């Protein structure tokens, strides 16, 4: 069963573990099945690419971003600017938004 992710695309996140610990970046993609996120500028890996003359691809070593586990990132609150846990709250009009546990500010723009 898929759990609801507390991290969404375009969130600013702090990396908690791994070789890029302490860095921040923007989430490019979230994969709920594998529980992984792709963060801009984080977790660069080198991939060997085989040349394919028919497709016009030149061979070599390519650097690309690899996904990291969702538990290794923490959302940075846009209001207080601190890394925080994410809570949920229902507004009076019935919309559900994510809130910062530190300052109770809204992470989602309602």
Protein backbone atom coordinates (compact mmCIF):
# COMPACT_ATOMS: atom_id res chain seq x y z
CA UNK A 1 0.00 0.00 0.00
CA UNK A 2 1.29 3.44 -0.93
CA UNK A 3 1.71 6.00 1.82
CA UNK A 4 1.02 9.64 1.14
CA UNK A 5 4.28 11.51 0.67
CA UNK A 6 4.96 14.60 2.73
CA UNK A 7 7.36 15.81 0.03
CA UNK A 8 6.06 17.16 -3.28
CA UNK A 9 7.58 18.43 -6.50
CA UNK A 10 9.14 21.91 -6.28
CA UNK A 11 9.62 21.65 -2.49
CA UNK A 12 12.94 22.89 -1.14
CA UNK A 13 14.52 20.11 0.91
CA UNK A 14 17.54 19.51 3.15
CA UNK A 15 19.55 16.30 2.66
CA UNK A 16 19.89 14.43 5.98
CA UNK A 17 22.17 11.52 5.05
CA UNK A 18 24.66 10.39 2.44
CA UNK A 19 27.52 12.05 0.60
CA UNK A 20 25.51 15.27 0.11
CA UNK A 21 24.43 15.63 3.77
CA UNK A 22 23.67 19.24 4.70
CA UNK A 23 23.02 20.44 1.14
CA UNK A 24 19.69 21.82 -0.07
CA UNK A 25 17.92 21.43 -3.38
CA UNK A 26 14.59 21.48 -5.20
CA UNK A 27 12.62 18.24 -5.66
CA UNK A 28 12.30 17.37 -9.36
CA UNK A 29 10.36 14.10 -9.07
CA UNK A 30 8.74 11.88 -6.44
CA UNK A 31 8.35 8.11 -6.92
CA UNK A 32 5.89 6.81 -4.30
CA UNK A 33 6.20 3.13 -5.30
CA UNK A 34 9.95 3.09 -4.68
CA UNK A 35 9.79 5.80 -1.96
CA UNK A 36 12.47 7.86 -3.70
CA UNK A 37 12.91 11.50 -4.67
CA UNK A 38 15.06 13.14 -7.33
CA UNK A 39 16.64 16.36 -6.06
CA UNK A 40 18.24 18.98 -8.31
CA UNK A 41 22.03 19.05 -7.98
CA UNK A 42 22.18 16.23 -5.42
CA UNK A 43 23.55 12.65 -5.60
CA UNK A 44 25.43 12.89 -8.90
CA UNK A 45 26.52 9.53 -10.28
CA UNK A 46 28.56 8.63 -13.37
CA UNK A 47 26.90 6.46 -15.99
CA UNK A 48 28.77 4.81 -18.85
CA UNK A 49 26.95 5.39 -22.14
CA UNK A 50 27.48 3.15 -25.14
CA UNK A 51 27.75 4.96 -28.50
CA UNK A 52 24.82 4.57 -30.90
CA UNK A 53 25.60 6.08 -34.31
CA UNK A 54 22.05 5.49 -35.59
CA UNK A 55 20.56 7.70 -32.88
CA UNK A 56 23.47 10.15 -32.95
CA UNK A 57 24.54 9.33 -29.39
CA UNK A 58 28.22 9.68 -28.66
CA UNK A 59 29.63 7.27 -26.09
CA UNK A 60 31.40 8.25 -22.90
CA UNK A 61 30.83 8.87 -19.24
CA UNK A 62 27.78 10.94 -18.38
CA UNK A 63 27.04 12.56 -15.01
CA UNK A 64 23.44 12.47 -13.87
CA UNK A 65 21.34 12.88 -10.73
CA UNK A 66 20.20 9.67 -9.05
CA UNK A 67 17.17 9.37 -6.76
CA UNK A 68 17.61 9.15 -2.98
CA UNK A 69 15.32 7.64 -0.36
CA UNK A 70 12.48 9.86 0.82
CA UNK A 71 13.48 9.38 4.47
CA UNK A 72 16.80 11.12 3.79
CA UNK A 73 15.21 14.49 2.97
CA UNK A 74 13.40 17.04 5.12
CA UNK A 75 11.16 19.84 3.82
CA UNK A 76 12.33 23.41 4.42
CA UNK A 77 9.47 25.69 5.48
CA UNK A 78 9.07 28.68 3.13
CA UNK A 79 7.90 30.91 6.01
CA UNK A 80 10.49 30.27 8.75
CA UNK A 81 13.23 28.88 6.49
CA UNK A 82 14.01 25.94 8.80
CA UNK A 83 13.91 22.21 8.05
CA UNK A 84 10.77 20.81 9.62
CA UNK A 85 8.46 17.85 9.94
CA UNK A 86 5.25 18.18 7.97
CA UNK A 87 1.74 18.09 9.41
CA UNK A 88 -1.67 18.33 7.79
CA UNK A 89 -4.52 20.70 8.52
CA UNK A 90 -7.97 21.20 7.07
CA UNK A 91 -8.99 24.77 6.35
CA UNK A 92 -12.49 26.20 6.86
CA UNK A 93 -13.25 25.91 3.15
CA UNK A 94 -12.49 22.15 3.24
CA UNK A 95 -9.05 22.24 1.60
CA UNK A 96 -6.25 20.23 3.19
CA UNK A 97 -2.84 21.87 3.39
CA UNK A 98 0.59 20.86 4.71
CA UNK A 99 1.82 22.86 7.67
CA UNK A 100 5.20 23.43 9.33
CA UNK A 101 5.43 21.77 12.77
CA UNK A 102 7.79 24.52 14.01
CA UNK A 103 5.97 27.73 13.08
CA UNK A 104 2.52 26.38 12.08
CA UNK A 105 2.92 28.19 8.76
CA UNK A 106 1.46 26.77 5.57
CA UNK A 107 3.84 24.96 3.24
CA UNK A 108 1.23 24.69 0.47
CA UNK A 109 -0.08 27.85 -1.07
CA UNK A 110 -3.84 27.69 -0.45
